[in-house]
N, C-alpha and C. Protein backbone atom coordinates (compact mmCIF):
# COMPACT_ATOMS: atom_id res chain seq x y z
N UNK A 1 11.95 4.36 6.65
CA UNK A 1 10.70 3.79 7.13
C UNK A 1 10.98 2.45 7.79
N UNK A 2 10.49 2.24 8.98
CA UNK A 2 10.74 1.02 9.70
C UNK A 2 9.71 -0.05 9.33
N UNK A 3 10.13 -1.33 9.42
CA UNK A 3 9.19 -2.42 9.24
C UNK A 3 8.15 -2.36 10.34
N UNK A 4 6.88 -2.54 9.98
CA UNK A 4 5.82 -2.40 10.96
C UNK A 4 5.90 -3.50 12.01
N UNK A 5 5.87 -3.13 13.27
CA UNK A 5 5.87 -4.12 14.34
C UNK A 5 4.54 -4.86 14.38
N UNK A 6 3.45 -4.16 14.14
CA UNK A 6 2.13 -4.76 14.07
C UNK A 6 1.68 -4.71 12.62
N UNK A 7 1.58 -5.90 12.00
CA UNK A 7 1.30 -5.91 10.57
C UNK A 7 -0.13 -5.50 10.25
N UNK A 8 -1.01 -5.44 11.27
CA UNK A 8 -2.40 -5.05 11.03
C UNK A 8 -2.61 -3.55 11.22
N UNK A 9 -1.58 -2.84 11.63
CA UNK A 9 -1.71 -1.42 11.91
C UNK A 9 -1.37 -0.61 10.68
N UNK A 10 -2.34 0.05 10.11
CA UNK A 10 -2.11 0.89 8.94
C UNK A 10 -1.71 2.28 9.40
N UNK A 11 -0.69 2.83 8.76
CA UNK A 11 -0.24 4.18 9.09
C UNK A 11 -0.92 5.17 8.15
N UNK A 12 -1.81 6.02 8.66
CA UNK A 12 -2.54 6.93 7.78
C UNK A 12 -1.63 7.93 7.07
N UNK A 13 -0.44 8.22 7.64
CA UNK A 13 0.45 9.17 6.99
C UNK A 13 1.24 8.53 5.86
N UNK A 14 1.17 7.23 5.72
CA UNK A 14 1.90 6.50 4.68
C UNK A 14 0.93 6.05 3.60
N UNK A 15 0.90 6.71 2.46
CA UNK A 15 -0.10 6.37 1.43
C UNK A 15 0.15 5.03 0.76
N UNK A 16 1.31 4.41 0.98
CA UNK A 16 1.63 3.15 0.33
C UNK A 16 1.38 1.94 1.23
N UNK A 17 0.89 2.16 2.44
CA UNK A 17 0.58 1.06 3.34
C UNK A 17 -0.70 0.36 2.90
N UNK A 18 -0.65 -0.96 2.84
CA UNK A 18 -1.83 -1.75 2.52
C UNK A 18 -2.59 -2.07 3.80
N UNK A 19 -3.88 -1.81 3.80
CA UNK A 19 -4.71 -2.07 4.97
C UNK A 19 -4.69 -3.56 5.30
N UNK A 20 -4.45 -3.88 6.58
CA UNK A 20 -4.39 -5.27 7.00
C UNK A 20 -5.75 -5.94 6.99
N UNK A 21 -5.73 -7.28 6.95
CA UNK A 21 -6.94 -8.10 6.95
C UNK A 21 -7.82 -7.82 5.73
N UNK A 22 -7.22 -7.37 4.65
CA UNK A 22 -7.93 -7.12 3.41
C UNK A 22 -7.07 -7.60 2.24
N UNK A 23 -7.70 -7.76 1.08
CA UNK A 23 -7.02 -8.18 -0.14
C UNK A 23 -6.96 -7.02 -1.12
N UNK A 24 -5.79 -6.79 -1.66
CA UNK A 24 -5.53 -5.69 -2.57
C UNK A 24 -5.07 -6.26 -3.92
N UNK A 25 -5.02 -5.40 -4.94
CA UNK A 25 -4.61 -5.84 -6.27
C UNK A 25 -3.59 -4.87 -6.85
N UNK A 26 -2.68 -5.41 -7.66
CA UNK A 26 -1.72 -4.58 -8.39
C UNK A 26 -1.63 -5.10 -9.81
N UNK A 27 -1.65 -4.18 -10.77
CA UNK A 27 -1.54 -4.55 -12.18
C UNK A 27 -0.50 -3.66 -12.84
N UNK A 28 -0.11 -4.02 -14.05
CA UNK A 28 0.87 -3.23 -14.78
C UNK A 28 2.25 -3.87 -14.76
N UNK A 29 3.16 -3.32 -15.56
CA UNK A 29 4.51 -3.88 -15.70
C UNK A 29 5.33 -3.79 -14.42
N UNK A 30 4.96 -2.89 -13.52
CA UNK A 30 5.71 -2.72 -12.29
C UNK A 30 5.11 -3.42 -11.09
N UNK A 31 4.18 -4.32 -11.31
CA UNK A 31 3.49 -4.94 -10.17
C UNK A 31 4.41 -5.83 -9.33
N UNK A 32 5.42 -6.46 -9.95
CA UNK A 32 6.35 -7.28 -9.18
C UNK A 32 7.17 -6.40 -8.23
N UNK A 33 7.64 -5.25 -8.72
CA UNK A 33 8.39 -4.32 -7.87
C UNK A 33 7.52 -3.85 -6.71
N UNK A 34 6.26 -3.60 -6.97
CA UNK A 34 5.34 -3.17 -5.92
C UNK A 34 5.20 -4.27 -4.87
N UNK A 35 5.09 -5.51 -5.33
CA UNK A 35 4.97 -6.63 -4.39
C UNK A 35 6.23 -6.79 -3.55
N UNK A 36 7.40 -6.66 -4.17
CA UNK A 36 8.66 -6.75 -3.43
C UNK A 36 8.78 -5.65 -2.39
N UNK A 37 8.33 -4.46 -2.76
CA UNK A 37 8.34 -3.34 -1.82
C UNK A 37 7.47 -3.66 -0.61
N UNK A 38 6.26 -4.17 -0.85
CA UNK A 38 5.36 -4.49 0.26
C UNK A 38 5.92 -5.63 1.11
N UNK A 39 6.53 -6.61 0.46
CA UNK A 39 7.11 -7.73 1.21
C UNK A 39 8.26 -7.28 2.09
N UNK A 40 9.11 -6.38 1.57
CA UNK A 40 10.29 -5.94 2.31
C UNK A 40 9.92 -5.17 3.57
N UNK A 41 8.76 -4.54 3.57
CA UNK A 41 8.39 -3.73 4.74
C UNK A 41 7.37 -4.43 5.63
N UNK A 42 7.12 -5.71 5.37
CA UNK A 42 6.18 -6.49 6.17
C UNK A 42 6.95 -7.42 7.11
N UNK A 43 6.63 -7.38 8.39
CA UNK A 43 7.25 -8.27 9.35
C UNK A 43 6.49 -9.59 9.40
N UNK A 44 7.23 -10.70 9.40
CA UNK A 44 6.60 -12.01 9.53
C UNK A 44 6.66 -12.82 8.26
N UNK A 45 6.14 -14.06 8.31
CA UNK A 45 6.19 -14.97 7.16
C UNK A 45 5.37 -14.45 5.97
N UNK A 46 5.90 -14.71 4.78
CA UNK A 46 5.26 -14.27 3.53
C UNK A 46 5.11 -15.47 2.62
N UNK A 47 3.95 -15.63 2.02
CA UNK A 47 3.70 -16.68 1.04
C UNK A 47 3.51 -16.04 -0.33
N UNK A 48 4.28 -16.53 -1.31
CA UNK A 48 4.14 -16.07 -2.70
C UNK A 48 3.65 -17.26 -3.51
N UNK A 49 2.47 -17.15 -4.07
CA UNK A 49 1.80 -18.28 -4.73
C UNK A 49 1.71 -18.00 -6.22
N UNK A 50 2.29 -18.89 -7.03
CA UNK A 50 2.32 -18.72 -8.48
C UNK A 50 2.13 -20.07 -9.14
N UNK A 51 1.82 -20.04 -10.43
CA UNK A 51 1.71 -21.28 -11.19
C UNK A 51 3.09 -21.91 -11.35
N UNK A 52 3.12 -23.24 -11.43
CA UNK A 52 4.38 -23.97 -11.39
C UNK A 52 5.31 -23.63 -12.55
N UNK A 53 4.75 -23.19 -13.70
CA UNK A 53 5.60 -22.91 -14.85
C UNK A 53 6.22 -21.52 -14.80
N UNK A 54 5.82 -20.70 -13.82
CA UNK A 54 6.42 -19.37 -13.70
C UNK A 54 7.88 -19.49 -13.26
N UNK A 55 8.70 -18.54 -13.68
CA UNK A 55 10.12 -18.58 -13.36
C UNK A 55 10.37 -18.18 -11.91
N UNK A 56 11.49 -18.71 -11.36
CA UNK A 56 11.91 -18.31 -10.02
C UNK A 56 12.33 -16.85 -10.03
N UNK A 57 12.23 -16.22 -8.86
CA UNK A 57 12.64 -14.83 -8.74
C UNK A 57 13.78 -14.74 -7.73
N UNK A 58 14.75 -13.89 -8.01
CA UNK A 58 15.82 -13.62 -7.07
C UNK A 58 15.38 -12.54 -6.11
N UNK A 59 15.62 -12.78 -4.83
CA UNK A 59 15.19 -11.86 -3.80
C UNK A 59 16.32 -11.59 -2.82
N UNK A 60 16.28 -10.46 -2.14
CA UNK A 60 17.26 -10.22 -1.08
C UNK A 60 17.23 -11.33 -0.05
N UNK A 61 18.39 -11.75 0.41
CA UNK A 61 18.48 -12.91 1.30
C UNK A 61 17.67 -12.72 2.57
N UNK A 62 17.68 -11.53 3.13
CA UNK A 62 16.93 -11.30 4.35
C UNK A 62 15.44 -11.50 4.18
N UNK A 63 14.94 -11.24 2.98
CA UNK A 63 13.53 -11.45 2.69
C UNK A 63 13.25 -12.92 2.43
N UNK A 64 14.12 -13.58 1.68
CA UNK A 64 13.89 -14.97 1.31
C UNK A 64 13.89 -15.90 2.51
N UNK A 65 14.54 -15.51 3.58
CA UNK A 65 14.58 -16.35 4.78
C UNK A 65 13.19 -16.55 5.37
N UNK A 66 12.29 -15.64 5.13
CA UNK A 66 10.94 -15.77 5.68
C UNK A 66 9.87 -15.84 4.59
N UNK A 67 10.30 -16.08 3.37
CA UNK A 67 9.37 -16.15 2.26
C UNK A 67 9.28 -17.57 1.73
N UNK A 68 8.07 -18.03 1.46
CA UNK A 68 7.82 -19.37 0.94
C UNK A 68 7.12 -19.26 -0.41
N UNK A 69 7.65 -19.94 -1.40
CA UNK A 69 7.04 -19.96 -2.72
C UNK A 69 6.21 -21.23 -2.87
N UNK A 70 4.93 -21.05 -3.13
CA UNK A 70 4.03 -22.16 -3.38
C UNK A 70 3.79 -22.25 -4.88
N UNK A 71 4.09 -23.38 -5.49
CA UNK A 71 3.88 -23.58 -6.91
C UNK A 71 2.61 -24.39 -7.12
N UNK A 72 1.61 -23.76 -7.69
CA UNK A 72 0.32 -24.41 -7.93
C UNK A 72 0.29 -25.06 -9.31
N UNK A 73 -0.38 -26.19 -9.42
CA UNK A 73 -0.46 -26.90 -10.69
C UNK A 73 -1.37 -26.19 -11.69
N UNK A 74 -2.41 -25.54 -11.19
CA UNK A 74 -3.35 -24.85 -12.08
C UNK A 74 -4.01 -23.71 -11.31
N UNK A 75 -4.91 -23.02 -12.00
CA UNK A 75 -5.55 -21.84 -11.41
C UNK A 75 -6.40 -22.21 -10.19
N UNK A 76 -7.08 -23.35 -10.24
CA UNK A 76 -7.91 -23.78 -9.12
C UNK A 76 -7.07 -23.99 -7.87
N UNK A 77 -5.94 -24.68 -8.04
CA UNK A 77 -5.05 -24.90 -6.90
C UNK A 77 -4.46 -23.58 -6.39
N UNK A 78 -4.17 -22.66 -7.30
CA UNK A 78 -3.61 -21.37 -6.90
C UNK A 78 -4.58 -20.61 -6.01
N UNK A 79 -5.84 -20.57 -6.41
CA UNK A 79 -6.83 -19.83 -5.62
C UNK A 79 -7.09 -20.53 -4.29
N UNK A 80 -7.09 -21.88 -4.29
CA UNK A 80 -7.27 -22.62 -3.04
C UNK A 80 -6.13 -22.35 -2.08
N UNK A 81 -4.90 -22.40 -2.58
CA UNK A 81 -3.74 -22.15 -1.73
C UNK A 81 -3.74 -20.72 -1.20
N UNK A 82 -4.16 -19.77 -2.04
CA UNK A 82 -4.23 -18.38 -1.60
C UNK A 82 -5.23 -18.21 -0.47
N UNK A 83 -6.40 -18.82 -0.63
CA UNK A 83 -7.43 -18.71 0.40
C UNK A 83 -6.97 -19.34 1.71
N UNK A 84 -6.34 -20.52 1.63
CA UNK A 84 -5.87 -21.19 2.84
C UNK A 84 -4.78 -20.38 3.54
N UNK A 85 -3.87 -19.80 2.76
CA UNK A 85 -2.80 -18.99 3.37
C UNK A 85 -3.38 -17.75 4.03
N UNK A 86 -4.37 -17.12 3.40
CA UNK A 86 -4.98 -15.93 3.98
C UNK A 86 -5.69 -16.25 5.30
N UNK A 87 -6.20 -17.45 5.44
CA UNK A 87 -6.91 -17.84 6.66
C UNK A 87 -5.97 -18.10 7.84
N UNK A 88 -4.69 -18.24 7.57
CA UNK A 88 -3.74 -18.56 8.63
C UNK A 88 -3.29 -17.30 9.36
N UNK A 89 -3.52 -17.21 10.67
CA UNK A 89 -3.07 -16.04 11.41
C UNK A 89 -1.56 -15.96 11.56
N UNK A 90 -0.85 -17.05 11.20
CA UNK A 90 0.61 -17.05 11.30
C UNK A 90 1.28 -16.38 10.11
N UNK A 91 0.53 -16.12 9.04
CA UNK A 91 1.07 -15.54 7.82
C UNK A 91 0.87 -14.03 7.84
N UNK A 92 1.90 -13.30 7.48
CA UNK A 92 1.80 -11.83 7.49
C UNK A 92 1.27 -11.28 6.17
N UNK A 93 1.77 -11.83 5.06
CA UNK A 93 1.40 -11.30 3.74
C UNK A 93 1.31 -12.46 2.75
N UNK A 94 0.26 -12.46 1.95
CA UNK A 94 0.09 -13.45 0.88
C UNK A 94 0.08 -12.73 -0.45
N UNK A 95 1.01 -13.10 -1.33
CA UNK A 95 1.09 -12.54 -2.67
C UNK A 95 0.77 -13.66 -3.65
N UNK A 96 -0.14 -13.42 -4.58
CA UNK A 96 -0.53 -14.46 -5.53
C UNK A 96 -0.59 -13.88 -6.93
N UNK A 97 -0.29 -14.73 -7.92
CA UNK A 97 -0.26 -14.32 -9.32
C UNK A 97 -1.26 -15.14 -10.14
N UNK A 98 -2.55 -14.80 -10.09
CA UNK A 98 -3.53 -15.53 -10.90
C UNK A 98 -3.35 -15.23 -12.37
N UNK A 99 -3.63 -16.23 -13.20
CA UNK A 99 -3.50 -16.05 -14.64
C UNK A 99 -4.80 -15.61 -15.28
N UNK A 100 -5.91 -15.84 -14.59
CA UNK A 100 -7.23 -15.52 -15.15
C UNK A 100 -7.88 -14.39 -14.37
N UNK A 101 -8.92 -13.75 -14.96
CA UNK A 101 -9.64 -12.70 -14.25
C UNK A 101 -10.27 -13.23 -12.97
N UNK A 102 -10.35 -12.37 -11.95
CA UNK A 102 -10.95 -12.74 -10.68
C UNK A 102 -12.42 -12.32 -10.67
N UNK A 103 -13.29 -13.27 -10.42
CA UNK A 103 -14.72 -12.97 -10.37
C UNK A 103 -15.06 -12.32 -9.04
N UNK A 104 -16.26 -11.75 -8.98
CA UNK A 104 -16.71 -11.14 -7.73
C UNK A 104 -16.82 -12.19 -6.63
N UNK A 105 -17.27 -13.39 -6.99
CA UNK A 105 -17.39 -14.46 -5.99
C UNK A 105 -16.03 -14.84 -5.42
N UNK A 106 -15.04 -15.01 -6.30
CA UNK A 106 -13.69 -15.34 -5.85
C UNK A 106 -13.13 -14.22 -4.99
N UNK A 107 -13.34 -12.98 -5.42
CA UNK A 107 -12.84 -11.85 -4.65
C UNK A 107 -13.44 -11.79 -3.26
N UNK A 108 -14.72 -12.08 -3.13
CA UNK A 108 -15.38 -12.06 -1.83
C UNK A 108 -14.86 -13.19 -0.93
N UNK A 109 -14.62 -14.36 -1.52
CA UNK A 109 -14.08 -15.48 -0.74
C UNK A 109 -12.69 -15.13 -0.19
N UNK A 110 -11.88 -14.50 -1.01
CA UNK A 110 -10.55 -14.12 -0.56
C UNK A 110 -10.61 -13.06 0.53
N UNK A 111 -11.53 -12.11 0.40
CA UNK A 111 -11.69 -11.09 1.43
C UNK A 111 -12.12 -11.71 2.76
N UNK A 112 -13.04 -12.66 2.71
CA UNK A 112 -13.49 -13.33 3.94
C UNK A 112 -12.35 -14.11 4.58
N UNK A 113 -11.52 -14.73 3.75
CA UNK A 113 -10.38 -15.47 4.28
C UNK A 113 -9.38 -14.53 4.94
N UNK A 114 -9.12 -13.37 4.31
CA UNK A 114 -8.20 -12.40 4.89
C UNK A 114 -8.72 -11.86 6.22
N UNK A 115 -10.02 -11.63 6.30
CA UNK A 115 -10.61 -11.15 7.55
C UNK A 115 -10.49 -12.21 8.64
N UNK A 116 -10.69 -13.48 8.27
CA UNK A 116 -10.61 -14.56 9.25
C UNK A 116 -9.20 -14.72 9.80
N UNK A 117 -8.19 -14.62 8.95
CA UNK A 117 -6.82 -14.79 9.38
C UNK A 117 -6.13 -13.51 9.80
N UNK A 118 -6.79 -12.37 9.62
CA UNK A 118 -6.18 -11.06 9.88
C UNK A 118 -4.89 -10.91 9.09
N UNK A 119 -4.94 -11.37 7.84
CA UNK A 119 -3.77 -11.41 6.96
C UNK A 119 -3.99 -10.48 5.78
N UNK A 120 -2.93 -9.86 5.30
CA UNK A 120 -2.99 -8.98 4.14
C UNK A 120 -2.72 -9.78 2.87
N UNK A 121 -3.54 -9.56 1.84
CA UNK A 121 -3.36 -10.23 0.57
C UNK A 121 -3.07 -9.24 -0.54
N UNK A 122 -2.24 -9.66 -1.50
CA UNK A 122 -1.93 -8.83 -2.67
C UNK A 122 -1.98 -9.71 -3.90
N UNK A 123 -2.94 -9.46 -4.78
CA UNK A 123 -3.11 -10.23 -6.00
C UNK A 123 -2.45 -9.47 -7.15
N UNK A 124 -1.50 -10.10 -7.81
CA UNK A 124 -0.81 -9.50 -8.96
C UNK A 124 -1.55 -9.92 -10.22
N UNK A 125 -2.39 -9.04 -10.72
CA UNK A 125 -3.32 -9.39 -11.78
C UNK A 125 -2.87 -8.82 -13.12
N UNK A 126 -3.42 -9.39 -14.19
CA UNK A 126 -3.23 -8.82 -15.52
C UNK A 126 -4.17 -7.62 -15.67
N UNK A 127 -3.85 -6.78 -16.62
CA UNK A 127 -4.60 -5.53 -16.81
C UNK A 127 -6.10 -5.81 -16.97
N UNK A 128 -6.91 -5.15 -16.13
CA UNK A 128 -8.35 -5.27 -16.23
C UNK A 128 -8.92 -6.59 -15.76
N UNK A 129 -8.15 -7.38 -14.98
CA UNK A 129 -8.61 -8.71 -14.56
C UNK A 129 -8.95 -8.78 -13.08
N UNK A 130 -9.15 -7.64 -12.45
CA UNK A 130 -9.39 -7.61 -11.02
C UNK A 130 -10.83 -7.88 -10.64
N UNK A 131 -11.05 -7.96 -9.34
CA UNK A 131 -12.38 -8.20 -8.78
C UNK A 131 -12.92 -6.92 -8.15
N UNK A 132 -14.23 -6.74 -8.21
CA UNK A 132 -14.85 -5.58 -7.58
C UNK A 132 -14.79 -5.67 -6.05
N UNK A 133 -14.39 -6.83 -5.53
CA UNK A 133 -14.31 -6.98 -4.08
C UNK A 133 -12.98 -6.47 -3.52
N UNK A 134 -12.03 -6.11 -4.38
CA UNK A 134 -10.71 -5.68 -3.92
C UNK A 134 -10.81 -4.42 -3.07
N UNK A 135 -10.02 -4.37 -2.01
CA UNK A 135 -9.98 -3.17 -1.16
C UNK A 135 -9.36 -2.00 -1.90
N UNK A 136 -8.21 -2.24 -2.53
CA UNK A 136 -7.56 -1.24 -3.36
C UNK A 136 -7.02 -1.91 -4.62
N UNK A 137 -6.80 -1.11 -5.64
CA UNK A 137 -6.14 -1.59 -6.87
C UNK A 137 -5.11 -0.55 -7.29
N UNK A 138 -3.90 -1.04 -7.59
CA UNK A 138 -2.78 -0.18 -7.96
C UNK A 138 -2.36 -0.44 -9.39
N UNK A 139 -2.18 0.64 -10.15
CA UNK A 139 -1.62 0.56 -11.49
C UNK A 139 -0.14 0.90 -11.36
N UNK A 140 0.73 -0.07 -11.67
CA UNK A 140 2.16 0.08 -11.40
C UNK A 140 2.94 0.04 -12.71
N UNK A 141 3.64 1.12 -13.01
CA UNK A 141 4.39 1.20 -14.26
C UNK A 141 5.75 1.85 -14.02
N UNK A 142 6.79 1.37 -14.69
CA UNK A 142 8.09 2.06 -14.64
C UNK A 142 8.01 3.36 -15.42
N UNK A 143 8.80 4.34 -14.99
CA UNK A 143 8.83 5.62 -15.67
C UNK A 143 10.11 5.75 -16.49
N UNK A 144 10.04 6.44 -17.64
CA UNK A 144 11.25 6.65 -18.44
C UNK A 144 12.29 7.42 -17.63
N UNK A 145 13.56 7.07 -17.84
CA UNK A 145 14.63 7.76 -17.13
C UNK A 145 15.97 7.32 -17.63
N UNK A 146 17.04 7.71 -16.95
CA UNK A 146 18.39 7.33 -17.36
C UNK A 146 18.61 5.83 -17.22
N UNK A 147 19.75 5.35 -17.71
CA UNK A 147 20.07 3.93 -17.63
C UNK A 147 20.08 3.48 -16.17
N UNK A 148 19.51 2.26 -15.93
CA UNK A 148 19.41 1.69 -14.58
C UNK A 148 18.49 2.52 -13.68
N UNK A 149 17.55 3.22 -14.31
CA UNK A 149 16.62 4.01 -13.53
C UNK A 149 15.67 3.11 -12.75
N UNK A 150 15.32 3.52 -11.54
CA UNK A 150 14.39 2.76 -10.71
C UNK A 150 13.11 3.54 -10.46
N UNK A 151 12.83 4.49 -11.30
CA UNK A 151 11.63 5.32 -11.11
C UNK A 151 10.39 4.55 -11.52
N UNK A 152 9.38 4.56 -10.64
CA UNK A 152 8.10 3.92 -10.92
C UNK A 152 6.98 4.88 -10.57
N UNK A 153 5.84 4.69 -11.19
CA UNK A 153 4.62 5.40 -10.80
C UNK A 153 3.60 4.36 -10.36
N UNK A 154 3.24 4.43 -9.09
CA UNK A 154 2.23 3.53 -8.54
C UNK A 154 0.96 4.35 -8.31
N UNK A 155 -0.04 4.12 -9.14
CA UNK A 155 -1.26 4.91 -9.10
C UNK A 155 -2.38 4.11 -8.44
N UNK A 156 -2.92 4.65 -7.38
CA UNK A 156 -4.06 4.03 -6.72
C UNK A 156 -5.31 4.36 -7.52
N UNK A 157 -5.87 3.37 -8.20
CA UNK A 157 -7.00 3.61 -9.09
C UNK A 157 -8.32 3.12 -8.49
N UNK A 158 -8.25 2.40 -7.39
CA UNK A 158 -9.46 1.97 -6.68
C UNK A 158 -9.16 1.96 -5.19
N UNK A 159 -10.05 2.54 -4.41
CA UNK A 159 -9.84 2.60 -2.97
C UNK A 159 -11.20 2.71 -2.29
N UNK A 160 -11.55 1.69 -1.53
CA UNK A 160 -12.86 1.68 -0.88
C UNK A 160 -12.94 2.65 0.30
N UNK A 161 -11.80 3.01 0.87
CA UNK A 161 -11.83 3.79 2.11
C UNK A 161 -10.98 5.06 2.05
N UNK A 162 -10.75 5.60 0.88
CA UNK A 162 -9.93 6.79 0.82
C UNK A 162 -9.83 7.36 -0.58
N UNK A 163 -8.84 8.21 -0.76
CA UNK A 163 -8.66 8.88 -2.04
C UNK A 163 -7.84 8.02 -3.00
N UNK A 164 -7.80 8.42 -4.25
CA UNK A 164 -6.99 7.75 -5.26
C UNK A 164 -6.00 8.76 -5.84
N UNK A 165 -5.02 8.26 -6.58
CA UNK A 165 -4.05 9.16 -7.19
C UNK A 165 -2.70 8.52 -7.33
N UNK A 166 -1.77 9.19 -8.04
CA UNK A 166 -0.44 8.62 -8.32
C UNK A 166 0.58 8.90 -7.23
N UNK A 167 1.57 8.01 -7.14
CA UNK A 167 2.71 8.18 -6.25
C UNK A 167 3.96 7.80 -7.03
N UNK A 168 4.85 8.76 -7.27
CA UNK A 168 6.10 8.49 -7.97
C UNK A 168 7.14 8.01 -6.97
N UNK A 169 7.74 6.87 -7.24
CA UNK A 169 8.66 6.22 -6.32
C UNK A 169 10.01 6.11 -6.98
N UNK A 170 11.07 6.36 -6.21
CA UNK A 170 12.42 6.28 -6.75
C UNK A 170 13.35 5.72 -5.68
N UNK A 171 14.12 4.68 -6.03
CA UNK A 171 15.14 4.16 -5.13
C UNK A 171 16.46 4.83 -5.45
N UNK A 172 17.26 5.06 -4.40
CA UNK A 172 18.57 5.67 -4.58
C UNK A 172 19.62 4.66 -4.15
N UNK A 173 20.65 4.48 -4.96
CA UNK A 173 21.70 3.53 -4.63
C UNK A 173 22.31 3.00 -5.90
N UNK A 174 23.40 2.26 -5.80
CA UNK A 174 24.07 1.69 -6.96
C UNK A 174 24.56 0.30 -6.61
N UNK A 175 24.12 -0.73 -7.34
CA UNK A 175 23.08 -0.65 -8.35
C UNK A 175 21.71 -0.46 -7.71
N UNK A 176 20.88 0.30 -8.35
CA UNK A 176 19.60 0.69 -7.74
C UNK A 176 18.50 -0.27 -8.15
N UNK A 177 18.45 -1.43 -7.54
CA UNK A 177 17.36 -2.35 -7.78
C UNK A 177 17.07 -3.14 -6.54
N UNK A 178 15.97 -3.89 -6.54
CA UNK A 178 15.58 -4.65 -5.37
C UNK A 178 16.20 -6.04 -5.35
N UNK A 179 16.91 -6.44 -6.40
CA UNK A 179 17.47 -7.77 -6.46
C UNK A 179 18.87 -7.77 -5.86
N UNK A 180 18.94 -7.63 -4.54
CA UNK A 180 20.20 -7.75 -3.85
C UNK A 180 20.89 -6.45 -3.53
N UNK A 181 20.31 -5.32 -3.87
CA UNK A 181 20.97 -4.05 -3.53
C UNK A 181 20.40 -3.50 -2.23
N UNK A 182 21.09 -2.55 -1.68
CA UNK A 182 20.62 -1.90 -0.46
C UNK A 182 19.67 -0.77 -0.84
N UNK A 183 18.46 -0.83 -0.28
CA UNK A 183 17.46 0.19 -0.56
C UNK A 183 17.67 1.35 0.40
N UNK A 184 17.91 2.50 -0.13
CA UNK A 184 18.23 3.65 0.72
C UNK A 184 17.00 4.48 1.07
N UNK A 185 16.21 4.85 0.08
CA UNK A 185 15.16 5.82 0.34
C UNK A 185 14.16 5.77 -0.81
N UNK A 186 12.92 6.13 -0.53
CA UNK A 186 11.98 6.31 -1.62
C UNK A 186 11.30 7.65 -1.46
N UNK A 187 10.78 8.12 -2.56
CA UNK A 187 10.03 9.38 -2.56
C UNK A 187 8.64 9.10 -3.09
N UNK A 188 7.64 9.40 -2.31
CA UNK A 188 6.24 9.24 -2.72
C UNK A 188 5.63 10.62 -2.79
N UNK A 189 5.33 11.07 -4.00
CA UNK A 189 4.82 12.42 -4.17
C UNK A 189 5.88 13.42 -3.73
N UNK A 190 5.53 14.30 -2.79
CA UNK A 190 6.49 15.29 -2.30
C UNK A 190 7.08 14.87 -0.96
N UNK A 191 6.63 13.72 -0.41
CA UNK A 191 7.09 13.29 0.89
C UNK A 191 8.26 12.31 0.74
N UNK A 192 9.16 12.31 1.71
CA UNK A 192 10.26 11.36 1.75
C UNK A 192 10.11 10.50 2.99
N UNK A 193 10.51 9.25 2.87
CA UNK A 193 10.46 8.35 4.01
C UNK A 193 11.54 7.30 3.86
N UNK A 194 11.89 6.65 4.98
CA UNK A 194 12.93 5.65 4.96
C UNK A 194 12.35 4.27 4.71
N UNK A 195 13.07 3.49 3.93
CA UNK A 195 12.72 2.10 3.70
C UNK A 195 13.59 1.22 4.59
N UNK A 196 13.12 0.00 4.93
CA UNK A 196 14.00 -0.92 5.65
C UNK A 196 15.18 -1.31 4.77
N UNK A 197 16.37 -1.41 5.37
CA UNK A 197 17.55 -1.83 4.62
C UNK A 197 17.43 -3.29 4.21
N UNK A 198 17.91 -3.60 3.02
CA UNK A 198 17.90 -4.96 2.51
C UNK A 198 19.33 -5.45 2.36
N UNK A 199 19.59 -6.75 2.57
CA UNK A 199 20.94 -7.29 2.43
C UNK A 199 21.44 -7.18 1.00
N UNK A 200 22.76 -7.28 0.82
CA UNK A 200 23.37 -7.14 -0.49
C UNK A 200 23.42 -8.45 -1.27
N UNK A 201 23.24 -9.59 -0.61
CA UNK A 201 23.31 -10.86 -1.31
C UNK A 201 21.92 -11.29 -1.73
N UNK A 202 21.87 -12.19 -2.72
CA UNK A 202 20.58 -12.66 -3.21
C UNK A 202 20.49 -14.16 -3.06
N UNK A 203 19.28 -14.64 -3.05
CA UNK A 203 19.03 -16.07 -3.01
C UNK A 203 17.69 -16.34 -3.66
N UNK A 204 17.45 -17.57 -4.04
CA UNK A 204 16.21 -17.94 -4.70
C UNK A 204 15.19 -18.33 -3.66
N UNK A 205 13.93 -17.96 -3.89
CA UNK A 205 12.87 -18.32 -2.96
C UNK A 205 12.77 -19.82 -2.80
N UNK A 206 12.49 -20.24 -1.57
CA UNK A 206 12.27 -21.65 -1.32
C UNK A 206 10.97 -22.09 -1.96
N UNK A 207 10.97 -23.34 -2.46
CA UNK A 207 9.79 -23.85 -3.14
C UNK A 207 9.04 -24.84 -2.27
N UNK A 208 7.74 -24.73 -2.31
CA UNK A 208 6.88 -25.76 -1.75
C UNK A 208 5.97 -26.19 -2.89
N UNK A 209 6.26 -27.35 -3.49
CA UNK A 209 5.52 -27.79 -4.66
C UNK A 209 4.27 -28.51 -4.21
N UNK A 210 3.14 -28.06 -4.72
CA UNK A 210 1.86 -28.67 -4.34
C UNK A 210 1.69 -29.98 -5.08
């Protein structure tokens, strides 16, 4: 699968594409992997917004070169930074990790910001902490398997403009992970598609401390 040249163009044949200019949500133990997957296939600058006490994440070097980590002092600053990033037409993808449940009012503000900037948002929420304003919500969980298994089940549990259902995803390679390995292929349901290749080296996301 090639990185999208136009980040606002959703491919209807790809069930894992996030609709542009909208805010989506992912929950579950596999939500970070889901976010990395979306970031790797998105062309352009990416902002990852988290609370300052959260740990740094190792990312493929090719991704980290265009990814900026914003460390917010508290939840209020996190939501403000998320809204401002979504309003910027220069940003391709905004990923945020709120610690508290998202209200309907907050969800609507984020959606309006995404529409204004034509930017895609992905909120990594705790279980049951999403907003009714979300375009889609994904339940992301690893699946049992052999040692070093990369099998995940990403279940679309909310979708304003389409169907819902599970997608089993598996990376092939050794070592088979997103932290510096080369991603070869994924399988979603019965369909196969190519993922963009990722570099073999890792680096830490750059920090922008608020």
